[in-house]
Protein backbone atom coordinates (compact mmCIF):
# COMPACT_ATOMS: atom_id res chain seq x y z
CA MET A 1 -79.65 -19.52 75.83
CA VAL A 2 -79.45 -22.15 73.11
CA GLN A 3 -78.12 -25.49 74.28
CA LYS A 4 -74.91 -26.47 72.32
CA PHE A 5 -74.06 -30.10 71.58
CA GLN A 6 -70.96 -31.65 70.11
CA ALA A 7 -72.11 -33.75 67.18
CA ALA A 8 -69.50 -36.40 67.61
CA ASP A 9 -70.36 -36.78 71.33
CA VAL A 10 -74.06 -37.05 70.60
CA GLN A 11 -73.51 -39.57 67.77
CA GLN A 12 -71.28 -41.77 69.99
CA ARG A 13 -73.69 -41.78 72.87
CA PHE A 14 -76.71 -42.49 70.60
CA ALA A 15 -74.90 -45.36 69.11
CA GLN A 16 -74.47 -47.04 72.48
CA ALA A 17 -78.07 -46.52 73.58
CA ARG A 18 -80.62 -49.30 73.32
CA VAL A 19 -84.34 -48.62 73.30
CA LEU A 20 -87.19 -51.18 73.22
CA VAL A 21 -90.56 -49.89 71.61
CA VAL A 22 -93.67 -51.74 72.68
CA GLY A 23 -97.09 -50.94 71.38
CA ASP A 24 -99.48 -50.85 68.51
CA VAL A 25 -98.06 -51.03 64.98
CA MET A 26 -99.63 -50.29 61.72
CA LEU A 27 -98.79 -50.13 58.02
CA ASP A 28 -99.32 -46.70 56.48
CA ARG A 29 -100.14 -47.08 52.81
CA TYR A 30 -100.19 -44.06 50.44
CA TRP A 31 -101.87 -44.08 47.03
CA PHE A 32 -100.78 -40.94 45.16
CA GLY A 33 -102.66 -39.79 42.03
CA ASP A 34 -104.15 -36.95 40.08
CA VAL A 35 -107.75 -35.65 40.16
CA SER A 36 -109.10 -34.01 37.04
CA ARG A 37 -112.83 -35.05 37.11
CA ILE A 38 -115.82 -35.88 39.20
CA SER A 39 -117.26 -39.38 39.06
CA PRO A 40 -120.50 -39.78 37.04
CA GLU A 41 -121.67 -42.33 39.57
CA ALA A 42 -121.58 -40.05 42.66
CA PRO A 43 -120.44 -36.37 43.48
CA VAL A 44 -116.88 -37.57 44.43
CA PRO A 45 -113.50 -36.91 42.77
CA VAL A 46 -111.87 -39.68 40.66
CA ALA A 47 -108.23 -40.25 41.60
CA LYS A 48 -106.11 -41.81 38.92
CA ILE A 49 -103.31 -43.59 40.97
CA ASN A 50 -99.84 -43.35 39.59
CA GLN A 51 -97.67 -44.17 42.65
CA ILE A 52 -97.97 -46.41 45.68
CA ASP A 53 -95.90 -46.10 48.84
CA GLN A 54 -95.94 -47.78 52.28
CA ARG A 55 -94.29 -46.91 55.53
CA ALA A 56 -94.19 -48.35 59.06
CA GLY A 57 -96.54 -46.48 61.37
CA GLY A 58 -97.44 -46.28 65.09
CA ALA A 59 -94.93 -47.92 67.37
CA ALA A 60 -92.96 -49.03 64.30
CA ASN A 61 -92.47 -45.43 63.24
CA VAL A 62 -91.09 -44.68 66.71
CA ALA A 63 -88.61 -47.59 66.39
CA ARG A 64 -87.47 -46.52 62.87
CA ASN A 65 -86.94 -42.95 64.22
CA ILE A 66 -84.63 -44.34 66.89
CA ALA A 67 -82.68 -46.32 64.33
CA SER A 68 -82.47 -43.38 61.92
CA LEU A 69 -80.93 -41.24 64.65
CA GLY A 70 -78.33 -43.84 65.18
CA GLY A 71 -79.61 -45.75 68.22
CA LYS A 72 -80.27 -49.46 68.60
CA ALA A 73 -84.02 -50.06 68.43
CA GLY A 74 -86.15 -53.09 69.17
CA LEU A 75 -89.90 -53.45 68.38
CA LEU A 76 -92.36 -55.68 70.15
CA SER A 77 -95.91 -55.72 68.89
CA VAL A 78 -98.78 -57.84 67.60
CA THR A 79 -99.69 -58.15 63.95
CA GLY A 80 -101.83 -60.41 61.87
CA HIS A 81 -100.45 -63.38 59.95
CA ASP A 82 -100.76 -61.69 56.55
CA GLU A 83 -98.99 -59.79 53.76
CA ALA A 84 -99.11 -56.48 55.65
CA ALA A 85 -97.24 -57.99 58.59
CA ASP A 86 -94.65 -59.39 56.18
CA SER A 87 -94.32 -55.84 54.73
CA LEU A 88 -93.76 -54.46 58.23
CA ASP A 89 -91.22 -57.03 58.99
CA ARG A 90 -89.28 -56.18 55.81
CA LEU A 91 -89.45 -52.43 56.56
CA MET A 92 -88.11 -53.01 60.08
CA GLN A 93 -85.22 -55.01 58.64
CA GLN A 94 -84.44 -52.33 56.08
CA ASP A 95 -84.38 -49.70 58.86
CA GLY A 96 -82.10 -51.78 61.11
CA VAL A 97 -84.67 -52.43 63.76
CA GLU A 98 -84.77 -55.71 65.73
CA SER A 99 -88.34 -56.74 65.37
CA TYR A 100 -90.25 -59.11 67.66
CA LEU A 101 -93.64 -59.21 65.80
CA MET A 102 -96.06 -61.67 67.46
CA ARG A 103 -98.37 -62.98 64.80
CA ASP A 104 -102.12 -63.42 65.60
CA GLY A 105 -103.57 -65.64 62.80
CA GLN A 106 -107.13 -64.57 63.69
CA ILE A 107 -106.85 -60.82 63.00
CA ALA A 108 -105.64 -58.59 60.19
CA THR A 109 -102.64 -56.29 60.64
CA THR A 110 -103.70 -52.69 61.18
CA VAL A 111 -103.45 -50.83 57.91
CA LYS A 112 -104.27 -47.13 57.23
CA LEU A 113 -104.69 -46.48 53.50
CA ARG A 114 -104.56 -42.86 52.34
CA VAL A 115 -105.43 -41.63 48.97
CA VAL A 116 -103.51 -38.44 48.15
CA ALA A 117 -103.84 -35.98 45.31
CA ARG A 118 -101.91 -32.79 44.93
CA ASN A 119 -100.52 -33.28 48.43
CA GLN A 120 -104.07 -33.35 49.84
CA GLN A 121 -105.68 -36.40 51.46
CA LEU A 122 -108.84 -37.29 49.69
CA ILE A 123 -109.83 -40.16 52.09
CA ARG A 124 -108.34 -42.50 54.63
CA LEU A 125 -109.39 -46.18 54.99
CA ASP A 126 -108.64 -47.93 58.20
CA PHE A 127 -108.43 -51.74 58.71
CA GLU A 128 -108.01 -52.89 62.33
CA GLU A 129 -108.95 -55.55 64.79
CA LEU A 130 -108.18 -56.20 68.44
CA PRO A 131 -105.51 -58.84 69.21
CA HIS A 132 -106.55 -62.02 71.15
CA HIS A 133 -105.76 -62.83 74.79
CA GLU A 134 -103.44 -65.80 73.88
CA VAL A 135 -101.17 -63.69 71.74
CA LEU A 136 -101.10 -60.84 74.34
CA GLU A 137 -99.88 -63.39 76.90
CA GLN A 138 -97.05 -64.32 74.47
CA VAL A 139 -96.17 -60.59 74.21
CA LYS A 140 -95.74 -60.49 78.06
CA GLU A 141 -93.44 -63.46 77.98
CA ARG A 142 -91.33 -62.10 75.10
CA TYR A 143 -91.14 -58.74 76.80
CA GLN A 144 -89.65 -60.23 79.94
CA GLU A 145 -87.11 -62.16 77.78
CA VAL A 146 -85.80 -59.19 75.88
CA LEU A 147 -86.15 -56.43 78.52
CA PRO A 148 -82.58 -57.05 79.92
CA ASP A 149 -81.06 -56.19 76.47
CA TYR A 150 -82.29 -52.53 76.56
CA ASP A 151 -81.66 -49.34 78.54
CA ALA A 152 -85.11 -47.76 78.10
CA VAL A 153 -88.60 -48.80 77.11
CA ILE A 154 -91.01 -46.69 75.08
CA PHE A 155 -94.68 -47.61 75.19
CA SER A 156 -96.49 -46.36 72.15
CA ASP A 157 -100.22 -46.46 72.82
CA TYR A 158 -102.49 -46.02 69.85
CA GLY A 159 -105.46 -47.69 71.51
CA LYS A 160 -105.51 -50.75 69.36
CA GLY A 161 -105.29 -53.25 72.21
CA GLY A 162 -101.63 -54.19 72.12
CA LEU A 163 -100.85 -52.68 75.48
CA THR A 164 -103.55 -54.52 77.54
CA HIS A 165 -100.87 -55.50 80.09
CA ILE A 166 -98.99 -52.19 80.23
CA ALA A 167 -99.23 -51.79 84.03
CA ASP A 168 -97.35 -55.05 84.57
CA MET A 169 -94.81 -54.14 81.90
CA ILE A 170 -94.07 -50.81 83.56
CA ASP A 171 -93.59 -52.55 86.96
CA TRP A 172 -91.15 -55.03 85.37
CA ALA A 173 -89.19 -52.27 83.62
CA LYS A 174 -88.93 -50.29 86.88
CA GLN A 175 -87.82 -53.27 88.89
CA ALA A 176 -85.07 -53.75 86.20
CA GLY A 177 -84.06 -50.13 86.56
CA LYS A 178 -85.11 -49.10 83.06
CA ILE A 179 -86.17 -45.69 81.80
CA VAL A 180 -89.99 -45.85 80.93
CA LEU A 181 -91.54 -43.44 78.46
CA ILE A 182 -95.15 -43.50 77.32
CA ASP A 183 -97.05 -41.82 74.45
CA PRO A 184 -100.46 -42.01 76.02
CA LYS A 185 -103.94 -42.54 74.53
CA GLY A 186 -107.53 -42.27 75.98
CA ASP A 187 -108.64 -40.88 79.31
CA ASP A 188 -107.39 -43.56 81.72
CA TYR A 189 -103.87 -42.73 82.72
CA GLU A 190 -103.97 -44.73 85.90
CA LYS A 191 -102.35 -47.63 83.95
CA TYR A 192 -99.40 -45.44 83.23
CA ALA A 193 -98.59 -44.89 86.90
CA GLY A 194 -94.90 -45.13 87.87
CA ALA A 195 -93.55 -44.31 84.47
CA THR A 196 -90.54 -41.99 84.06
CA LEU A 197 -92.19 -39.74 81.45
CA ILE A 198 -95.37 -39.43 79.55
CA THR A 199 -95.70 -37.17 76.37
CA PRO A 200 -99.36 -36.13 75.77
CA ASN A 201 -100.29 -33.40 73.34
CA ARG A 202 -102.66 -30.64 74.27
CA SER A 203 -105.87 -32.47 73.36
CA GLU A 204 -104.78 -35.61 75.08
CA LEU A 205 -103.90 -33.76 78.27
CA LYS A 206 -107.23 -31.93 78.22
CA GLU A 207 -109.11 -35.20 77.93
CA VAL A 208 -107.65 -36.46 81.18
CA ALA A 209 -106.98 -33.25 83.15
CA GLY A 210 -109.62 -30.82 81.88
CA SER A 211 -109.04 -27.54 80.10
CA TRP A 212 -107.08 -24.55 81.36
CA ARG A 213 -107.39 -20.88 80.90
CA ASN A 214 -103.74 -19.79 81.35
CA GLU A 215 -100.20 -21.10 81.97
CA ASP A 216 -100.63 -21.19 85.80
CA GLU A 217 -103.73 -23.44 85.53
CA LEU A 218 -101.97 -25.65 83.06
CA THR A 219 -98.93 -25.99 85.41
CA ASP A 220 -101.25 -26.84 88.38
CA LYS A 221 -103.05 -29.53 86.33
CA ALA A 222 -99.99 -31.04 84.91
CA GLN A 223 -98.14 -31.16 88.25
CA TYR A 224 -101.18 -32.63 90.03
CA LEU A 225 -101.35 -35.30 87.40
CA ARG A 226 -97.62 -35.96 87.65
CA ARG A 227 -97.73 -36.33 91.44
CA HIS A 228 -100.87 -38.46 91.31
CA LEU A 229 -99.42 -40.94 88.81
CA ASP A 230 -95.99 -40.98 90.43
CA LEU A 231 -94.26 -39.86 87.24
CA THR A 232 -90.86 -38.24 87.15
CA ALA A 233 -92.06 -35.80 84.39
CA ILE A 234 -94.68 -34.95 81.85
CA LEU A 235 -93.64 -33.58 78.44
CA LEU A 236 -96.51 -31.59 76.90
CA THR A 237 -96.24 -31.23 73.17
CA ARG A 238 -98.00 -28.10 71.99
CA SER A 239 -97.69 -28.17 68.18
CA GLU A 240 -96.80 -24.62 66.92
CA GLU A 241 -96.32 -23.50 70.59
CA GLY A 242 -93.34 -25.87 71.17
CA MET A 243 -93.26 -28.08 74.27
CA THR A 244 -93.19 -27.79 78.07
CA LEU A 245 -91.46 -30.19 80.43
CA PHE A 246 -93.03 -30.51 83.89
CA ASN A 247 -90.85 -32.10 86.53
CA ASP A 248 -90.31 -31.61 90.21
CA GLY A 249 -88.73 -28.21 89.56
CA GLU A 250 -89.69 -25.20 87.51
CA ALA A 251 -91.39 -26.02 84.17
CA VAL A 252 -89.02 -25.96 81.15
CA TYR A 253 -90.35 -24.48 77.90
CA GLN A 254 -89.01 -24.67 74.40
CA PRO A 255 -90.48 -23.06 71.34
CA THR A 256 -91.03 -25.08 68.14
CA ARG A 257 -87.80 -25.68 66.04
CA ALA A 258 -89.80 -26.14 62.80
CA GLN A 259 -88.85 -23.80 60.01
CA GLU A 260 -91.75 -24.91 57.85
CA VAL A 261 -94.70 -27.07 58.93
CA TYR A 262 -95.83 -29.37 56.10
CA ASP A 263 -97.31 -32.40 57.88
CA VAL A 264 -97.57 -32.89 61.66
CA SER A 265 -98.49 -36.64 61.35
CA GLY A 266 -95.84 -38.68 63.10
CA ALA A 267 -94.21 -35.78 64.90
CA GLY A 268 -95.18 -37.24 68.30
CA ASP A 269 -93.43 -40.47 67.28
CA THR A 270 -90.25 -38.45 66.66
CA VAL A 271 -90.56 -36.58 69.97
CA ILE A 272 -90.83 -39.68 72.02
CA ALA A 273 -88.14 -41.53 70.01
CA GLY A 274 -85.80 -38.68 70.46
CA MET A 275 -86.56 -38.35 74.25
CA GLY A 276 -86.14 -42.08 74.81
CA LEU A 277 -82.86 -42.36 72.83
CA ALA A 278 -81.36 -39.24 74.44
CA MET A 279 -82.30 -40.29 77.97
CA ALA A 280 -80.98 -43.81 77.27
CA ALA A 281 -77.74 -42.20 76.10
CA GLY A 282 -77.46 -40.33 79.46
CA PHE A 283 -78.55 -36.89 78.52
CA THR A 284 -80.71 -34.96 81.04
CA MET A 285 -84.36 -34.44 80.42
CA PRO A 286 -84.00 -30.77 79.28
CA GLU A 287 -81.09 -31.82 76.94
CA SER A 288 -83.12 -34.72 75.66
CA MET A 289 -86.08 -32.36 75.10
CA HIS A 290 -83.99 -29.99 73.05
CA LEU A 291 -82.72 -32.90 70.85
CA ALA A 292 -86.21 -34.37 70.43
CA ASN A 293 -87.70 -30.95 69.65
CA THR A 294 -85.09 -30.37 66.96
CA ALA A 295 -85.64 -33.74 65.36
CA ALA A 296 -89.38 -33.15 65.40
CA GLY A 297 -88.81 -29.80 63.58
CA VAL A 298 -87.14 -31.68 60.82
CA VAL A 299 -89.90 -34.26 60.47
CA VAL A 300 -92.88 -31.84 60.25
CA ALA A 301 -91.34 -30.42 57.01
CA LYS A 302 -91.86 -33.83 55.38
CA LEU A 303 -94.97 -35.59 54.06
CA GLY A 304 -96.51 -38.42 56.04
CA THR A 305 -94.96 -40.65 58.66
CA ALA A 306 -91.32 -39.62 58.36
CA VAL A 307 -87.98 -39.95 60.24
CA CYS A 308 -85.12 -37.66 61.11
CA SER A 309 -81.63 -38.92 60.31
CA PHE A 310 -78.68 -38.14 62.51
CA ASP A 311 -77.18 -35.95 59.66
CA GLU A 312 -80.38 -33.95 59.52
CA LEU A 313 -80.38 -33.53 63.24
CA GLN A 314 -76.74 -32.42 63.22
CA THR A 315 -77.53 -29.82 60.51
CA ALA A 316 -80.58 -28.52 62.36
CA LEU A 317 -78.62 -28.20 65.60
CA ALA A 318 -75.82 -26.27 63.79
CA ASP A 319 -78.35 -23.87 62.45
CA GLN A 320 -79.69 -22.87 65.88
């Protein structure tokens, strides 16, 4: 049975929901061009660049997804004190996100530069450095200052060092009665203990729980992890297989909503943004999962780190 939503009700509830995103931000830069020859210097293609684009990535992409869906979004993160950080700040302002970017003058802002020709990536160049202790302490202080202004917190962990104090941050959010969602990274999930929801993909879950041979084994592993970490639920994103919600009842499965998969980069950002916004708006977890799944289906039909607008979500819901 397909869940039916009243668009006006969803829109009104989204507009009143406030979500703080904390985590690793990056600037995604795209150089688009044409390739018609091989370099005489080395056996590599020569890209003649004719268009440059830049988009907010990582935790910043989560925040802009929330704002695009009509929610109130805040972003707390560490950047360098450079031109890329200025660009991120401007992009957040354009998207209507309240940004709390803590500048670390000793590092460069994380930048991922992609060279694209005929809709194919030729190469990706990454620039990144770990933030320093002093700035991370400032992040903790700022977090405690702004936390009362939000209904839910999303931790977007990309393993870049911005969430060194995540265990403390989760505790403070729980004490304040906030919903806590985490997009996890790495094989140490102990630091996520006590969260409301984590959203690993298949490879991320395998890294921490081991592989499984069938759905029963998957359920056993997910439920063991959920109980061990004292989580309310785990939402497993399964790419073309849709997603499964493991809570204290029977697992809830939903197939993918994507009509056409063009680019899956950033889809996880849309999923956790949709879940966080919907839960902050008072929807149940299965309802939130349906809304997030639908929004992700819109985003994977776009190139690069993209967002789903409320109008696009409304259209996609109406088509189900």
